[in-house]
Protein backbone atom coordinates (compact mmCIF):
# COMPACT_ATOMS: atom_id res chain seq x y z
CA MET A 1 9.07 18.68 -9.30
CA GLU A 2 6.73 19.39 -6.37
CA TYR A 3 8.09 18.70 -2.89
CA ASN A 4 6.08 18.07 0.28
CA THR A 5 7.67 21.10 1.94
CA THR A 6 6.23 23.41 -0.72
CA ARG A 7 2.77 21.82 -0.76
CA GLU A 8 -0.20 23.06 1.18
CA LYS A 9 -0.47 21.47 4.63
CA LEU A 10 -2.99 18.63 4.86
CA VAL A 11 -5.96 19.13 7.17
CA LEU A 12 -6.26 15.41 8.00
CA ARG A 13 -2.99 13.66 7.17
CA GLU A 14 -4.41 10.15 7.68
CA TYR A 15 -6.33 10.42 4.40
CA GLY A 16 -3.39 11.54 2.29
CA ARG A 17 -3.12 14.27 -0.34
CA ASN A 18 -5.21 12.54 -3.03
CA PHE A 19 -8.40 12.70 -0.97
CA HIS A 20 -7.81 16.38 -0.27
CA LYS A 21 -7.34 17.01 -3.99
CA LEU A 22 -10.54 15.13 -4.82
CA ILE A 23 -12.50 17.24 -2.36
CA GLU A 24 -11.03 20.45 -3.77
CA TYR A 25 -12.10 19.29 -7.23
CA VAL A 26 -15.66 18.57 -6.07
CA LYS A 27 -15.90 22.01 -4.46
CA GLU A 28 -15.46 23.61 -7.88
CA ILE A 29 -18.38 21.73 -9.47
CA LYS A 30 -21.37 24.02 -10.04
CA GLU A 31 -24.23 21.48 -9.82
CA LYS A 32 -25.08 20.65 -6.21
CA GLU A 33 -26.54 17.27 -7.14
CA LYS A 34 -23.34 16.23 -8.85
CA ARG A 35 -21.28 17.49 -5.91
CA THR A 36 -23.42 15.37 -3.59
CA ASP A 37 -23.06 12.22 -5.70
CA LEU A 38 -19.29 12.61 -5.90
CA SER A 39 -19.08 13.31 -2.17
CA LYS A 40 -20.91 10.04 -1.45
CA LEU A 41 -18.39 8.25 -3.65
CA ILE A 42 -15.46 9.90 -1.84
CA VAL A 43 -16.89 8.80 1.53
CA LYS A 44 -17.06 5.21 0.25
CA LEU A 45 -13.46 5.43 -0.93
CA MET A 46 -12.40 6.83 2.45
CA ASN A 47 -13.99 3.82 4.11
CA MET A 48 -12.36 1.40 1.64
CA ALA A 49 -8.95 3.01 2.21
CA HIS A 50 -9.29 2.31 5.95
CA PRO A 51 -11.20 -1.00 6.34
CA GLU A 52 -10.16 -1.18 9.98
CA LEU A 53 -12.66 1.62 10.72
CA LYS A 54 -15.68 -0.58 10.01
CA ASN A 55 -15.74 -1.79 13.59
CA GLN A 56 -16.17 1.70 14.99
CA ASN A 57 -19.58 3.05 15.96
CA GLU A 58 -21.20 5.78 13.85
CA ILE A 59 -18.47 5.42 11.23
CA ASP A 60 -20.53 6.94 8.41
CA GLN A 61 -21.17 10.14 10.30
CA LYS A 62 -17.51 10.42 11.27
CA LEU A 63 -16.46 10.00 7.63
CA TRP A 64 -18.88 12.72 6.52
CA ASP A 65 -17.57 14.95 9.31
CA ASP A 66 -14.04 14.40 8.05
CA LEU A 67 -15.18 15.20 4.52
CA HIS A 68 -16.45 18.60 5.66
CA ILE A 69 -13.36 19.21 7.78
CA MET A 70 -11.03 18.51 4.82
CA SER A 71 -13.08 20.92 2.70
CA ASN A 72 -12.68 23.63 5.35
CA PHE A 73 -16.50 23.54 5.60
CA GLU A 74 -16.77 24.96 2.09
CA LEU A 75 -18.41 21.90 0.49
CA ASP A 76 -22.09 22.62 -0.20
CA VAL A 77 -23.77 19.20 -0.51
CA LYS A 78 -26.85 17.37 0.75
CA SER A 79 -25.21 15.57 3.63
CA PRO A 80 -27.11 12.74 5.38
CA TYR A 81 -25.82 14.16 8.68
CA PRO A 82 -25.65 17.64 10.22
CA ILE A 83 -22.50 19.54 9.30
CA PRO A 84 -20.22 19.64 12.37
CA GLU A 85 -19.82 23.05 13.99
CA VAL A 86 -16.33 24.51 13.88
CA ASP A 87 -16.47 25.58 17.53
CA LYS A 88 -17.20 22.01 18.64
CA LEU A 89 -14.44 20.31 16.64
CA LYS A 90 -12.18 20.04 19.64
CA GLY A 91 -14.70 17.75 21.27
CA ILE A 92 -15.07 15.45 18.26
CA GLU A 93 -13.64 11.98 18.77
CA ARG A 94 -11.08 11.41 16.06
CA LEU A 95 -10.92 8.20 14.05
CA GLU A 96 -8.62 5.60 15.54
CA TYR A 97 -6.02 4.08 13.25
CA PRO A 98 -3.64 1.17 13.77
CA LYS A 99 -0.43 2.10 15.55
CA ASN A 100 1.62 -0.23 13.37
CA VAL A 101 2.23 1.89 10.28
CA ILE A 102 3.58 0.03 7.24
CA ARG A 103 6.42 2.10 5.78
CA PHE A 104 6.25 0.55 2.30
CA ARG A 105 2.68 -0.49 1.46
CA HIS A 106 3.65 -2.33 -1.73
CA TYR A 107 5.80 -4.71 0.34
CA GLY A 108 3.28 -5.23 3.12
CA LYS A 109 3.74 -6.10 6.78
CA LYS A 110 5.11 -9.57 6.00
CA ILE A 111 8.38 -8.14 4.68
CA GLU A 112 8.89 -6.09 7.84
CA LEU A 113 8.42 -9.23 9.93
CA LEU A 114 10.87 -11.20 7.75
CA ILE A 115 13.46 -8.44 8.05
CA GLU A 116 12.95 -8.35 11.81
CA GLU A 117 13.69 -12.10 11.98
CA ALA A 118 16.67 -11.79 9.61
CA CYS A 119 18.25 -9.22 11.92
CA LYS A 120 18.37 -11.87 14.65
CA ILE A 121 20.47 -14.28 12.55
CA LYS A 122 24.10 -14.40 13.73
CA ASP A 123 25.69 -16.55 11.01
CA SER A 124 26.82 -14.28 8.17
CA LYS A 125 26.08 -16.80 5.38
CA GLU A 126 22.59 -17.53 6.70
CA LYS A 127 21.95 -13.80 7.07
CA GLU A 128 23.01 -13.18 3.46
CA SER A 129 20.73 -16.00 2.28
CA ALA A 130 17.87 -14.40 4.20
CA ILE A 131 18.57 -11.02 2.57
CA ILE A 132 18.54 -12.61 -0.90
CA HIS A 133 15.28 -14.39 -0.13
CA ILE A 134 13.71 -11.16 1.13
CA GLY A 135 15.00 -9.26 -1.90
CA LYS A 136 13.32 -11.75 -4.26
CA ILE A 137 10.01 -11.41 -2.44
CA MET A 138 10.23 -7.60 -2.42
CA LYS A 139 10.91 -7.55 -6.16
CA SER A 140 7.92 -9.83 -6.73
CA PHE A 141 5.61 -7.76 -4.51
CA PHE A 142 6.69 -4.52 -6.19
CA GLY A 143 5.87 -6.03 -9.60
CA MET A 144 2.35 -6.82 -8.40
CA TRP A 145 1.76 -3.15 -7.55
CA ASN A 146 3.62 -1.50 -10.44
CA LYS A 147 4.05 -2.12 -14.15
CA GLU A 148 7.70 -1.04 -14.19
CA THR A 149 10.52 -3.02 -12.60
CA ILE A 150 12.37 -1.93 -9.48
CA ASP A 151 16.13 -1.37 -9.39
CA ASN A 152 18.12 -3.75 -7.19
CA LYS A 153 19.79 -0.83 -5.44
CA VAL A 154 16.38 0.49 -4.39
CA ILE A 155 15.53 -2.90 -2.88
CA ILE A 156 18.81 -2.95 -0.95
CA ASP A 157 18.24 0.61 0.27
CA ASN A 158 14.72 -0.33 1.40
CA ILE A 159 16.08 -3.37 3.26
CA LYS A 160 18.69 -1.21 4.98
CA GLU A 161 16.03 1.33 5.95
CA LEU A 162 13.57 -1.26 7.26
CA SER A 163 16.33 -3.01 9.23
CA ASN A 164 17.73 0.28 10.57
CA GLY A 165 21.05 -0.43 8.85
CA LYS A 166 21.44 -3.94 10.25
CA LEU A 167 21.02 -5.75 6.91
CA ASP A 168 23.08 -5.03 3.81
CA ILE A 169 24.48 -6.81 0.75
CA ASP A 170 26.97 -5.86 -1.94
CA ILE A 171 25.10 -4.37 -4.92
CA LYS A 172 27.80 -5.59 -7.35
CA LYS A 173 27.35 -9.16 -6.15
CA VAL A 174 23.58 -8.89 -6.55
CA GLU A 175 23.91 -7.49 -10.07
CA GLU A 176 26.59 -9.94 -11.27
CA LEU A 177 24.87 -13.08 -9.93
CA ASN A 178 21.33 -11.75 -10.47
CA LEU A 179 20.50 -12.76 -6.90
CA PHE A 180 17.10 -11.07 -6.72
CA TYR A 181 15.84 -12.75 -9.88
CA LYS A 182 12.82 -14.97 -9.27
CA ASN A 183 12.10 -17.45 -12.05
CA THR A 184 8.85 -18.78 -10.59
CA ARG A 185 5.55 -17.70 -12.14
CA GLU A 186 2.45 -16.53 -10.35
CA ARG A 187 -0.16 -19.27 -10.03
CA GLY A 188 -2.88 -17.08 -11.53
CA SER A 189 -0.96 -16.22 -14.69
CA LYS A 190 -1.73 -17.84 -18.07
CA SER A 191 1.92 -18.80 -18.57
CA TYR A 192 1.87 -20.67 -15.27
CA GLN A 193 -1.30 -22.51 -16.24
CA ARG A 194 0.12 -23.47 -19.66
CA LYS A 195 3.29 -24.85 -18.16
CA PHE A 196 1.84 -26.60 -15.14
CA SER A 197 -1.67 -27.53 -16.24
CA ARG A 198 -0.53 -31.12 -16.98
CA PRO A 199 1.71 -33.07 -14.55
CA LYS A 200 5.09 -34.16 -15.89
CA THR A 201 4.47 -37.71 -14.72
CA MET A 202 1.54 -37.94 -17.14
CA LYS A 203 3.78 -36.92 -20.07
CA SER A 204 6.44 -39.49 -19.23
CA PHE A 205 3.75 -42.15 -18.72
CA ARG A 206 2.35 -41.53 -22.21
CA ARG A 207 5.83 -41.69 -23.76
CA ARG A 208 6.44 -45.10 -22.18
CA ARG A 209 3.15 -46.48 -23.51
CA ALA A 210 3.97 -45.22 -27.02
């Protein structure tokens, strides 16, 4: 297993390790034209990964600058902009990113807000109900991002972490009563459409006429 402490330090951490790996891969390609095409694609992906940057001026040039910086200026491509000079990097205005960092992207910001509100609840029963409700949503959100299911203990640990230890629930109780189970179907699923495509009142109405 590879740990972050043993990995090579990222040049620009805001883009993550995958973008750095992609750039390293492109650097090894022999054909310059192919390197250029892939670099254009990487720049598009960089922009898609950070949609909040679209409002900034000269965003394309800044993204291409970052591409060269992450490659340690070793990426030989036909760039639409001049390659930034190493000596002038200190004067380059860095990309601005939101200060509110989401700790678990697959849960989204909504879960953090719900947990924040749940921490304010004083009644123990109401607080437990809020935890169960949040746990169900987290399990549902995780399933939308991943094919495998998430363990209930992981959900509880995530809730504890996001609440700074203020919210907790007995794992045995959750497992025995299956408290995080959500029996509702997504509206876009075929099973949902089959079950709810025809109102129940229409069925009962037809039975009465028969």
